[in-house]
Amino acid sequence: MSKKYDEHQDMDLKGTLVSVFFVGAVIIAMWVIVYLMYVAR
């Protein structure tokens, strides 16, 4: 029973890590776009 729980926990952890990286990438992309627009002005 605990083995299934551990596997489920690992899956959640990987999903959380992927979502955090995705959100971080979106935020960085937004900053880069704003910076490029400011520089090109």
Protein backbone atom coordinates (compact mmCIF):
# COMPACT_ATOMS: atom_id res chain seq x y z
CA MET A 1 0.00 0.00 0.00
CA SER A 2 2.78 2.43 0.89
CA LYS A 3 4.56 1.59 -2.39
CA LYS A 4 1.55 2.78 -4.44
CA TYR A 5 1.43 5.95 -2.32
CA ASP A 6 5.13 6.61 -2.97
CA GLU A 7 4.68 6.18 -6.73
CA HIS A 8 1.71 8.53 -6.66
CA GLN A 9 3.75 11.04 -4.66
CA ASP A 10 6.62 10.88 -7.18
CA MET A 11 4.18 11.48 -10.05
CA ASP A 12 2.71 14.52 -8.25
CA LEU A 13 6.21 15.83 -7.54
CA LYS A 14 7.22 15.56 -11.22
CA GLY A 15 3.98 17.23 -12.31
CA THR A 16 4.54 20.05 -9.84
CA LEU A 17 8.14 20.52 -11.01
CA VAL A 18 7.05 20.65 -14.67
CA SER A 19 4.29 23.17 -13.91
CA VAL A 20 6.68 25.37 -11.90
CA PHE A 21 9.23 25.37 -14.74
CA PHE A 22 6.43 26.14 -17.26
CA VAL A 23 5.14 29.09 -15.21
CA GLY A 24 8.70 30.35 -14.71
CA ALA A 25 9.40 30.13 -18.44
CA VAL A 26 6.21 32.09 -19.21
CA ILE A 27 7.16 34.83 -16.72
CA ILE A 28 10.71 35.06 -18.11
CA ALA A 29 9.34 35.20 -21.68
CA MET A 30 7.01 38.06 -20.69
CA TRP A 31 9.92 40.00 -19.14
CA VAL A 32 12.06 39.43 -22.25
CA ILE A 33 9.26 40.62 -24.55
CA VAL A 34 8.67 43.75 -22.43
CA TYR A 35 12.43 44.47 -22.35
CA LEU A 36 12.78 44.05 -26.12
CA MET A 37 9.79 46.33 -26.71
CA TYR A 38 11.39 48.93 -24.38
CA VAL A 39 14.77 48.69 -26.13
CA ALA A 40 13.24 48.83 -29.65
CA ARG A 41 11.27 51.98 -28.78
